């Protein structure tokens, strides 16, 4: 729930950036425009679930976060190959929409449209978006990757620092791959202070703990016609001793554009702009698709 609220705050802040040529952000009822907020991804071979449909709100208005959830929204997924339409249902436990039938299978390299309509504040709003799922082919080659266990900044026989390495086969046509690195045993007692080129004090570590625990990188403009791609996990992306989970995502164009722009909304000249969002009508957010694969490794003292 906290993640959803943070996401809504971020998206609405983006929408109200209205200054041009000056670094001023105007907020308040006069700049507020009701919008449907969409956060949803499809993955080939996986169930359609965790499609979050919420709404925005003025930043200077304090209300119940649960009122942001559009649980009664009409949410439908259209398979554009067959034009078959599938109505999604709200799951109160996951606070998101899903499809529970057995007659829908998300395929590789296929097109799907999400249609959403909802009524609030005396208006009926609607939005839609299309995603083309990545082609089949992406997979982390675990037997060729360098995973397992390794001491912090361990060296080989030649004295060179070794790295954990991912080797994966790309999806043809997909030139964007995101890498999520999560320290599963992150704690104040497992933090690697030697990893920083500056002094990290415990109070600063507490304040920015999640910045160290969660790392997110991406590769773009990748040649997807090669047989294999290698990616080394740098030591500056690992800040704790213990176990790590790494997820690599082969993303579609919607995923790529939103990922590289959602937190870069101010130019050097001070002007603000929106991230790249693929929703039409009264929507903000993202509707995309990806293929994901997960591996694990461990850093020893």
Protein backbone atom coordinates (compact mmCIF):
# COMPACT_ATOMS: atom_id res chain seq x y z
CA UNK A 1 0.00 0.00 0.00
CA UNK A 2 2.85 2.39 0.86
CA UNK A 3 4.42 1.68 -2.53
CA UNK A 4 1.14 2.54 -4.28
CA UNK A 5 0.73 5.84 -2.42
CA UNK A 6 4.33 6.85 -3.16
CA UNK A 7 3.77 6.03 -6.80
CA UNK A 8 0.62 8.16 -7.00
CA UNK A 9 2.38 11.09 -5.34
CA UNK A 10 5.20 10.89 -7.85
CA UNK A 11 2.93 10.68 -10.85
CA UNK A 12 0.70 13.53 -9.78
CA UNK A 13 3.67 15.75 -9.03
CA UNK A 14 4.81 15.13 -12.58
CA UNK A 15 1.44 16.09 -14.03
CA UNK A 16 1.34 19.49 -12.33
CA UNK A 17 4.70 20.68 -13.63
CA UNK A 18 3.41 23.60 -15.65
CA UNK A 19 6.23 26.16 -15.60
CA UNK A 20 8.03 26.91 -18.86
CA UNK A 21 11.45 28.53 -18.82
CA UNK A 22 11.53 28.86 -15.01
CA UNK A 23 11.93 26.36 -12.17
CA UNK A 24 8.61 27.04 -10.47
CA UNK A 25 5.99 24.41 -9.66
CA UNK A 26 2.47 25.59 -9.04
CA UNK A 27 0.32 23.31 -6.91
CA UNK A 28 -3.20 23.52 -5.61
CA UNK A 29 -6.84 23.14 -6.71
CA UNK A 30 -6.35 25.50 -9.65
CA UNK A 31 -3.83 23.15 -11.26
CA UNK A 32 -5.50 19.87 -10.31
CA UNK A 33 -6.88 17.73 -13.15
CA UNK A 34 -8.50 14.40 -12.17
CA UNK A 35 -6.68 11.45 -13.73
CA UNK A 36 -6.80 7.66 -13.65
CA UNK A 37 -3.44 6.32 -12.50
CA UNK A 38 -2.40 3.03 -14.11
CA UNK A 39 0.48 0.80 -13.05
CA UNK A 40 0.41 -2.54 -14.83
CA UNK A 41 2.60 -4.98 -16.70
CA UNK A 42 1.99 -8.15 -18.68
CA UNK A 43 4.42 -11.04 -18.86
CA UNK A 44 4.19 -13.85 -21.43
CA UNK A 45 3.06 -17.13 -19.91
CA UNK A 46 2.09 -15.46 -16.64
CA UNK A 47 -1.27 -14.67 -15.09
CA UNK A 48 -2.67 -11.19 -15.69
CA UNK A 49 -2.54 -9.70 -12.20
CA UNK A 50 -1.33 -6.75 -10.11
CA UNK A 51 -2.86 -4.20 -12.48
CA UNK A 52 -3.17 -1.22 -10.13
CA UNK A 53 -5.85 1.33 -10.89
CA UNK A 54 -5.94 4.37 -8.64
CA UNK A 55 -6.54 8.12 -8.94
CA UNK A 56 -4.56 11.28 -8.36
CA UNK A 57 -5.30 14.07 -5.90
CA UNK A 58 -4.12 17.63 -5.11
CA UNK A 59 -0.88 17.57 -3.14
CA UNK A 60 -2.15 20.05 -0.56
CA UNK A 61 -5.22 17.94 0.25
CA UNK A 62 -4.96 15.33 2.98
CA UNK A 63 -7.35 12.41 2.77
CA UNK A 64 -7.73 8.71 3.33
CA UNK A 65 -5.21 6.82 1.10
CA UNK A 66 -7.81 4.07 0.59
CA UNK A 67 -10.00 6.60 -1.24
CA UNK A 68 -7.41 6.66 -4.02
CA UNK A 69 -8.15 3.06 -5.02
CA UNK A 70 -10.65 2.77 -7.88
CA UNK A 71 -11.91 -0.66 -6.87
CA UNK A 72 -15.12 -0.25 -8.88
CA UNK A 73 -13.35 0.75 -12.11
CA UNK A 74 -14.20 -1.09 -15.32
CA UNK A 75 -10.93 -2.69 -16.41
CA UNK A 76 -10.71 -4.77 -19.59
CA UNK A 77 -7.85 -6.35 -21.52
CA UNK A 78 -8.20 -6.83 -25.27
CA UNK A 79 -6.18 -9.42 -27.19
CA UNK A 80 -5.56 -7.49 -30.40
CA UNK A 81 -4.79 -10.68 -32.36
CA UNK A 82 -8.30 -12.09 -31.82
CA UNK A 83 -10.11 -8.93 -30.59
CA UNK A 84 -11.31 -10.97 -27.62
CA UNK A 85 -12.04 -8.85 -24.54
CA UNK A 86 -11.44 -10.01 -20.96
CA UNK A 87 -12.93 -8.20 -17.94
CA UNK A 88 -10.58 -7.98 -14.95
CA UNK A 89 -11.80 -8.26 -11.37
CA UNK A 90 -10.60 -6.45 -8.26
CA UNK A 91 -8.61 -8.44 -5.70
CA UNK A 92 -8.96 -6.68 -2.31
CA UNK A 93 -6.02 -8.55 -0.80
CA UNK A 94 -3.61 -7.42 -3.50
CA UNK A 95 -5.39 -4.08 -4.03
CA UNK A 96 -5.21 -4.62 -7.77
CA UNK A 97 -7.07 -6.08 -10.74
CA UNK A 98 -6.55 -9.53 -12.25
CA UNK A 99 -8.05 -12.07 -14.62
CA UNK A 100 -9.02 -15.40 -13.07
CA UNK A 101 -10.28 -17.29 -16.12
CA UNK A 102 -8.43 -20.06 -17.96
CA UNK A 103 -9.11 -18.79 -21.49
CA UNK A 104 -6.47 -16.04 -21.63
CA UNK A 105 -2.77 -16.70 -22.18
CA UNK A 106 -0.34 -13.83 -22.68
CA UNK A 107 1.90 -14.71 -25.61
CA UNK A 108 5.32 -13.61 -26.82
CA UNK A 109 5.47 -10.82 -29.40
CA UNK A 110 1.72 -10.15 -29.12
CA UNK A 111 -0.28 -6.91 -28.82
CA UNK A 112 -2.71 -6.16 -25.99
CA UNK A 113 -4.78 -3.10 -25.12
CA UNK A 114 -5.86 -2.13 -21.62
CA UNK A 115 -9.13 -0.16 -21.39
CA UNK A 116 -10.06 1.51 -18.10
CA UNK A 117 -13.04 3.67 -17.19
CA UNK A 118 -13.98 5.00 -13.76
CA UNK A 119 -16.27 7.58 -12.19
CA UNK A 120 -15.19 9.94 -9.42
CA UNK A 121 -15.62 13.61 -8.53
CA UNK A 122 -18.77 13.66 -10.65
CA UNK A 123 -16.95 12.69 -13.84
CA UNK A 124 -16.54 9.54 -15.88
CA UNK A 125 -12.95 9.21 -17.07
CA UNK A 126 -11.39 6.69 -19.41
CA UNK A 127 -7.93 5.75 -20.61
CA UNK A 128 -6.30 3.07 -22.75
CA UNK A 129 -2.84 1.83 -23.69
CA UNK A 130 -1.29 -0.80 -25.94
CA UNK A 131 1.73 -2.96 -25.24
CA UNK A 132 3.61 -5.36 -27.50
CA UNK A 133 5.15 -8.11 -25.40
CA UNK A 134 8.83 -9.00 -25.96
CA UNK A 135 9.68 -11.89 -28.25
CA UNK A 136 10.66 -15.24 -26.82
CA UNK A 137 14.36 -15.82 -26.25
CA UNK A 138 15.42 -13.95 -23.12
CA UNK A 139 16.89 -16.17 -20.41
CA UNK A 140 19.72 -15.92 -17.88
CA UNK A 141 22.20 -18.73 -18.57
CA UNK A 142 22.85 -19.74 -14.99
CA UNK A 143 25.48 -22.34 -15.86
CA UNK A 144 27.54 -19.72 -17.74
CA UNK A 145 27.01 -16.87 -15.27
CA UNK A 146 29.36 -16.27 -12.32
CA UNK A 147 27.12 -16.50 -9.28
CA UNK A 148 27.31 -18.60 -6.12
CA UNK A 149 29.47 -17.28 -3.27
CA UNK A 150 32.39 -14.85 -3.39
CA UNK A 151 34.34 -12.89 -0.80
CA UNK A 152 34.05 -9.12 -0.92
CA UNK A 153 36.34 -7.84 -3.71
CA UNK A 154 37.88 -11.28 -4.06
CA UNK A 155 40.90 -11.44 -6.41
CA UNK A 156 41.98 -14.05 -8.92
CA UNK A 157 45.45 -15.58 -9.19
CA UNK A 158 46.65 -12.58 -11.20
CA UNK A 159 45.55 -10.11 -8.53
CA UNK A 160 42.56 -8.80 -10.46
CA UNK A 161 39.31 -8.12 -8.61
CA UNK A 162 36.62 -10.59 -9.63
CA UNK A 163 32.96 -9.76 -10.26
CA UNK A 164 29.69 -11.59 -10.28
CA UNK A 165 28.62 -11.89 -13.90
CA UNK A 166 25.31 -12.42 -15.65
CA UNK A 167 25.19 -14.09 -19.05
CA UNK A 168 21.86 -14.08 -20.84
CA UNK A 169 20.34 -14.64 -24.24
CA UNK A 170 18.42 -11.62 -25.54
CA UNK A 171 14.93 -11.39 -26.99
CA UNK A 172 15.05 -10.49 -30.66
CA UNK A 173 13.93 -6.91 -31.10
CA UNK A 174 14.34 -5.98 -27.42
CA UNK A 175 17.21 -3.56 -26.87
CA UNK A 176 16.40 -2.61 -23.26
CA UNK A 177 17.18 -4.70 -20.16
CA UNK A 178 16.69 -3.58 -16.57
CA UNK A 179 18.62 -5.10 -13.67
CA UNK A 180 17.28 -5.08 -10.10
CA UNK A 181 19.74 -5.98 -7.32
CA UNK A 182 18.34 -6.45 -3.81
CA UNK A 183 20.37 -7.19 -0.67
CA UNK A 184 18.23 -9.78 1.12
CA UNK A 185 20.25 -9.66 4.36
CA UNK A 186 20.57 -5.88 4.48
CA UNK A 187 21.08 -4.65 8.02
CA UNK A 188 23.15 -2.07 9.86
CA UNK A 189 25.43 -4.90 11.00
CA UNK A 190 26.03 -6.25 7.46
CA UNK A 191 26.79 -2.92 5.75
CA UNK A 192 30.11 -2.80 3.88
CA UNK A 193 31.59 0.53 4.99
CA UNK A 194 34.76 -0.11 2.95
CA UNK A 195 32.71 0.02 -0.24
CA UNK A 196 32.37 3.81 -0.08
CA UNK A 197 34.96 6.35 -1.17
CA UNK A 198 33.67 8.66 1.55
CA UNK A 199 32.82 8.28 5.20
CA UNK A 200 29.37 6.81 5.81
CA UNK A 201 28.06 7.50 9.30
CA UNK A 202 25.44 5.27 10.88
CA UNK A 203 22.86 8.07 11.07
CA UNK A 204 23.28 8.74 7.35
CA UNK A 205 23.00 5.03 6.64
CA UNK A 206 19.70 4.91 8.49
CA UNK A 207 18.36 7.86 6.50
CA UNK A 208 19.34 6.44 3.12
CA UNK A 209 19.13 2.73 3.94
CA UNK A 210 16.89 1.78 1.00
CA UNK A 211 19.20 3.57 -1.43
CA UNK A 212 21.89 1.08 -0.50
CA UNK A 213 19.64 -1.96 -0.20
CA UNK A 214 18.00 -1.58 -3.60
CA UNK A 215 20.01 -0.99 -6.78
CA UNK A 216 18.51 -0.56 -10.22
CA UNK A 217 20.50 -0.39 -13.46
CA UNK A 218 19.64 -0.76 -17.11
CA UNK A 219 21.20 -1.57 -20.45
CA UNK A 220 19.80 0.14 -23.53
CA UNK A 221 20.63 0.18 -27.23
CA UNK A 222 21.62 -3.45 -26.83
CA UNK A 223 22.24 -5.48 -29.97
CA UNK A 224 19.55 -8.14 -29.63
CA UNK A 225 20.84 -10.14 -32.60
CA UNK A 226 23.85 -11.50 -30.73
CA UNK A 227 23.79 -14.95 -29.15
CA UNK A 228 24.70 -13.86 -25.62
CA UNK A 229 25.08 -10.72 -23.53
CA UNK A 230 27.35 -10.35 -20.50
CA UNK A 231 26.73 -7.99 -17.60
CA UNK A 232 29.12 -7.62 -14.66
CA UNK A 233 27.67 -6.65 -11.28
CA UNK A 234 29.94 -3.93 -9.95
CA UNK A 235 30.96 -3.93 -6.30
CA UNK A 236 29.58 -0.41 -5.98
CA UNK A 237 26.16 -1.95 -6.59
CA UNK A 238 26.46 -4.24 -3.55
CA UNK A 239 26.59 -2.63 -0.12
CA UNK A 240 25.92 -5.50 2.28
CA UNK A 241 27.37 -8.89 3.11
CA UNK A 242 24.99 -11.79 2.62
CA UNK A 243 22.50 -13.00 0.04
CA UNK A 244 21.30 -11.09 -3.01
CA UNK A 245 18.44 -11.49 -5.46
CA UNK A 246 18.96 -10.19 -8.97
CA UNK A 247 16.10 -9.90 -11.46
CA UNK A 248 16.73 -9.02 -15.10
CA UNK A 249 13.83 -7.67 -17.17
CA UNK A 250 13.61 -7.67 -20.96
CA UNK A 251 11.19 -4.78 -21.38
CA UNK A 252 8.94 -3.53 -24.14
CA UNK A 253 9.11 0.03 -25.48
CA UNK A 254 6.58 1.33 -22.93
CA UNK A 255 8.61 -0.13 -20.09
CA UNK A 256 11.80 1.39 -21.50
CA UNK A 257 10.48 4.90 -22.03
CA UNK A 258 8.85 5.15 -18.61
CA UNK A 259 11.83 3.64 -16.77
CA UNK A 260 14.39 6.06 -18.19
CA UNK A 261 12.23 9.18 -17.78
CA UNK A 262 10.00 8.86 -14.70
CA UNK A 263 12.59 10.39 -12.33
CA UNK A 264 14.16 12.80 -14.81
CA UNK A 265 11.54 15.48 -15.05
CA UNK A 266 13.65 18.62 -14.75
CA UNK A 267 16.12 19.84 -17.37
CA UNK A 268 19.36 21.69 -16.65
CA UNK A 269 17.67 24.98 -17.53
CA UNK A 270 15.09 24.44 -14.80
CA UNK A 271 12.17 23.54 -17.04
CA UNK A 272 9.96 20.66 -15.96
CA UNK A 273 8.37 18.06 -18.20
CA UNK A 274 6.40 14.85 -17.89
CA UNK A 275 7.93 11.38 -18.16
CA UNK A 276 7.12 9.39 -21.28
CA UNK A 277 3.75 7.75 -20.69
CA UNK A 278 1.90 5.63 -23.23
CA UNK A 279 -1.63 6.16 -21.92
CA UNK A 280 -4.27 7.90 -24.02
CA UNK A 281 -7.28 9.79 -22.69
CA UNK A 282 -7.55 10.60 -18.99
CA UNK A 283 -4.73 8.41 -17.73
CA UNK A 284 -1.22 8.76 -16.34
CA UNK A 285 1.23 6.04 -15.38
CA UNK A 286 2.46 3.06 -17.32
CA UNK A 287 1.11 -0.06 -19.01
CA UNK A 288 3.86 -2.24 -20.44
CA UNK A 289 5.24 -5.75 -20.59
CA UNK A 290 8.42 -7.65 -19.87
CA UNK A 291 10.05 -11.05 -19.51
CA UNK A 292 11.82 -11.57 -16.18
CA UNK A 293 14.39 -14.05 -14.92
CA UNK A 294 15.86 -14.31 -11.40
CA UNK A 295 19.20 -15.47 -9.97
CA UNK A 296 20.89 -15.32 -6.57
CA UNK A 297 24.41 -14.83 -5.23
CA UNK A 298 26.12 -14.27 -1.89
CA UNK A 299 28.91 -11.98 -0.64
CA UNK A 300 31.12 -13.38 2.12
CA UNK A 301 33.27 -11.41 4.56
